Amino acid sequence: MNLPVDKKKISIVCFSGDFDKMVAAFTVATGAAATNREVTMFFTFWGLNALKKKKGRVATGNSLMAKAFNFLMGGINNLPLSRLNFFGASSKLMTMMMKQHNVATLPELVEAAHALGIRIVACEMAMKILEVEQSDMIEEVESVVGVATFLNESENSHIIFI
């Protein structure tokens, strides 16, 4: 008789707003989900930038500081490369190279994550600090949770920081 085996779990903390780190996070997440792992992605601080519904630079929030930070973050289409940013053109160049080599682009990886059932959650504390609401986020964001909830739900998971 075969007893059911618990699915291996992986939780990825996405705290960087860098294009290459987001590509890495979504690549690891989709690879893990495709190999039958239960995956949660927890986005905090600059990582929240990849989840913004509006793709351009928008000054959201109430305070001047929040508006400035949210404007500068600019959404998934404005993520800088962690090195060699080429005055903001690097992510567009990298996306072009990814397409040339038939590698999934960042928007395609986000779509694949959703299709594979990857749980995407946003950090409550970072959202409060940056004055971002769940309604400002893409529909794939399942919920907004605090770090304690994330850690409790990630018990027995491998936790990776990207």
Protein backbone atom coordinates (compact mmCIF):
# COMPACT_ATOMS: atom_id res chain seq x y z
CA MET A 1 0.00 0.00 0.00
CA ASN A 2 1.37 3.42 -1.00
CA LEU A 3 0.85 6.15 1.56
CA PRO A 4 0.51 9.73 0.28
CA VAL A 5 3.77 11.63 0.43
CA ASP A 6 3.66 15.24 1.58
CA LYS A 7 4.57 17.66 -1.17
CA LYS A 8 7.91 19.38 -0.73
CA LYS A 9 7.46 23.08 -0.04
CA ILE A 10 9.51 26.06 -1.08
CA SER A 11 8.96 29.69 -0.05
CA ILE A 12 10.74 32.49 -1.86
CA VAL A 13 11.15 35.90 -0.27
CA CYS A 14 11.35 38.48 -3.06
CA PHE A 15 12.81 41.63 -1.52
CA SER A 16 14.73 43.02 -4.46
CA GLY A 17 13.30 45.14 -7.22
CA ASP A 18 16.08 44.20 -9.63
CA PHE A 19 15.04 42.71 -12.97
CA ASP A 20 17.57 39.86 -12.91
CA LYS A 21 16.62 38.88 -9.35
CA MET A 22 12.91 38.86 -10.24
CA VAL A 23 13.66 36.66 -13.27
CA ALA A 24 15.64 34.33 -10.99
CA ALA A 25 12.86 34.25 -8.38
CA PHE A 26 10.14 33.43 -10.91
CA THR A 27 12.38 30.92 -12.71
CA VAL A 28 13.07 29.04 -9.47
CA ALA A 29 9.41 29.27 -8.47
CA THR A 30 8.04 27.96 -11.76
CA GLY A 31 10.71 25.25 -11.90
CA ALA A 32 9.81 24.15 -8.39
CA ALA A 33 6.09 24.13 -9.16
CA ALA A 34 6.71 22.19 -12.39
CA THR A 35 8.53 19.55 -10.33
CA ASN A 36 5.52 19.13 -8.04
CA ARG A 37 6.53 21.39 -5.18
CA GLU A 38 4.17 23.68 -3.31
CA VAL A 39 5.46 27.22 -3.87
CA THR A 40 4.77 30.50 -2.09
CA MET A 41 6.33 33.78 -3.17
CA PHE A 42 6.40 36.51 -0.50
CA PHE A 43 7.03 40.00 -1.90
CA THR A 44 8.33 42.71 0.38
CA PHE A 45 9.78 46.22 0.00
CA TRP A 46 11.28 46.72 -3.49
CA GLY A 47 10.02 43.30 -4.56
CA LEU A 48 6.49 44.74 -4.41
CA ASN A 49 7.39 46.73 -7.52
CA ALA A 50 6.97 43.61 -9.67
CA LEU A 51 3.37 43.26 -8.46
CA LYS A 52 2.14 46.77 -9.24
CA LYS A 53 -0.93 46.78 -11.45
CA LYS A 54 0.00 49.99 -13.26
CA LYS A 55 3.07 49.38 -15.39
CA GLY A 56 4.43 52.93 -15.52
CA ARG A 57 5.59 55.42 -12.96
CA VAL A 58 2.66 56.39 -10.73
CA ALA A 59 2.84 58.44 -7.54
CA THR A 60 0.58 56.36 -5.27
CA GLY A 61 0.17 56.81 -1.54
CA ASN A 62 -0.80 59.72 0.66
CA SER A 63 2.48 61.12 1.95
CA LEU A 64 5.09 62.89 -0.15
CA MET A 65 7.69 60.22 0.66
CA ALA A 66 5.40 57.33 -0.31
CA LYS A 67 4.46 59.08 -3.56
CA ALA A 68 8.14 59.64 -4.36
CA PHE A 69 9.16 56.02 -3.65
CA ASN A 70 6.21 54.59 -5.58
CA PHE A 71 6.88 56.89 -8.52
CA LEU A 72 10.55 55.92 -8.62
CA MET A 73 9.76 52.19 -8.46
CA GLY A 74 7.78 52.36 -11.69
CA GLY A 75 6.40 48.82 -11.95
CA ILE A 76 7.52 45.61 -13.62
CA ASN A 77 8.42 47.32 -16.92
CA ASN A 78 10.91 49.62 -15.19
CA LEU A 79 12.91 47.18 -13.07
CA PRO A 80 16.63 47.94 -13.28
CA LEU A 81 19.30 45.30 -13.75
CA SER A 82 21.34 44.87 -10.56
CA ARG A 83 24.53 45.62 -12.51
CA LEU A 84 25.20 47.38 -15.80
CA ASN A 85 21.84 49.11 -15.92
CA PHE A 86 22.77 51.24 -18.98
CA PHE A 87 20.72 54.25 -17.87
CA GLY A 88 17.55 52.15 -17.51
CA ALA A 89 17.75 50.32 -20.86
CA SER A 90 19.19 47.08 -19.49
CA SER A 91 15.92 45.29 -18.71
CA LYS A 92 14.61 46.04 -22.20
CA LEU A 93 17.88 44.76 -23.71
CA MET A 94 17.81 41.66 -21.52
CA THR A 95 14.16 40.99 -22.46
CA MET A 96 15.11 41.26 -26.13
CA MET A 97 17.95 38.77 -25.61
CA MET A 98 15.62 36.41 -23.73
CA LYS A 99 13.17 36.47 -26.65
CA GLN A 100 15.99 35.85 -29.16
CA HIS A 101 16.99 32.73 -27.22
CA ASN A 102 13.41 31.50 -26.67
CA VAL A 103 13.65 32.01 -22.91
CA ALA A 104 10.53 33.04 -21.02
CA THR A 105 10.40 36.77 -20.34
CA LEU A 106 9.50 38.15 -16.93
CA PRO A 107 5.82 38.78 -17.81
CA GLU A 108 5.63 35.24 -19.22
CA LEU A 109 7.16 33.85 -16.01
CA VAL A 110 4.58 35.74 -13.92
CA GLU A 111 1.82 34.28 -16.10
CA ALA A 112 3.34 30.78 -15.78
CA ALA A 113 3.52 31.17 -11.99
CA HIS A 114 -0.18 31.92 -11.91
CA ALA A 115 -0.99 29.00 -14.23
CA LEU A 116 1.08 26.63 -12.07
CA GLY A 117 -0.80 27.62 -8.90
CA ILE A 118 2.07 29.40 -7.22
CA ARG A 119 0.81 31.35 -4.22
CA ILE A 120 1.78 35.03 -4.48
CA VAL A 121 1.48 37.08 -1.30
CA ALA A 122 2.47 40.63 -0.41
CA CYS A 123 4.05 41.87 2.81
CA GLU A 124 1.62 43.82 4.96
CA MET A 125 4.32 45.85 6.73
CA ALA A 126 6.08 46.95 3.54
CA MET A 127 2.75 47.87 1.97
CA LYS A 128 1.89 50.01 5.01
CA ILE A 129 5.25 51.79 4.88
CA LEU A 130 5.01 52.42 1.13
CA GLU A 131 1.27 53.24 1.41
CA VAL A 132 0.35 50.65 -1.23
CA GLU A 133 -3.07 48.95 -1.24
CA GLN A 134 -3.91 45.46 -2.48
CA SER A 135 -6.01 47.15 -5.17
CA ASP A 136 -2.73 48.64 -6.51
CA MET A 137 -1.43 45.10 -7.07
CA ILE A 138 -1.95 42.64 -9.92
CA GLU A 139 -4.83 40.19 -9.52
CA GLU A 140 -2.41 37.27 -8.99
CA VAL A 141 -1.67 38.59 -5.47
CA GLU A 142 -3.66 36.13 -3.39
CA SER A 143 -3.41 37.98 -0.10
CA VAL A 144 -1.55 40.46 2.06
CA VAL A 145 0.08 38.84 5.09
CA GLY A 146 2.37 39.74 7.92
CA VAL A 147 5.73 38.10 8.37
CA ALA A 148 4.48 35.90 11.23
CA THR A 149 1.72 34.51 9.03
CA PHE A 150 4.18 33.95 6.19
CA LEU A 151 6.57 32.10 8.52
CA ASN A 152 3.79 29.98 10.03
CA GLU A 153 2.56 29.05 6.57
CA SER A 154 6.14 28.32 5.46
CA GLU A 155 6.82 25.85 8.26
CA ASN A 156 8.69 22.84 6.86
CA SER A 157 9.51 24.80 3.69
CA HIS A 158 12.86 25.60 2.21
CA ILE A 159 13.02 29.41 2.39
CA ILE A 160 15.05 31.23 -0.25
CA PHE A 161 15.79 34.97 -0.29
CA ILE A 162 16.13 36.60 -3.71
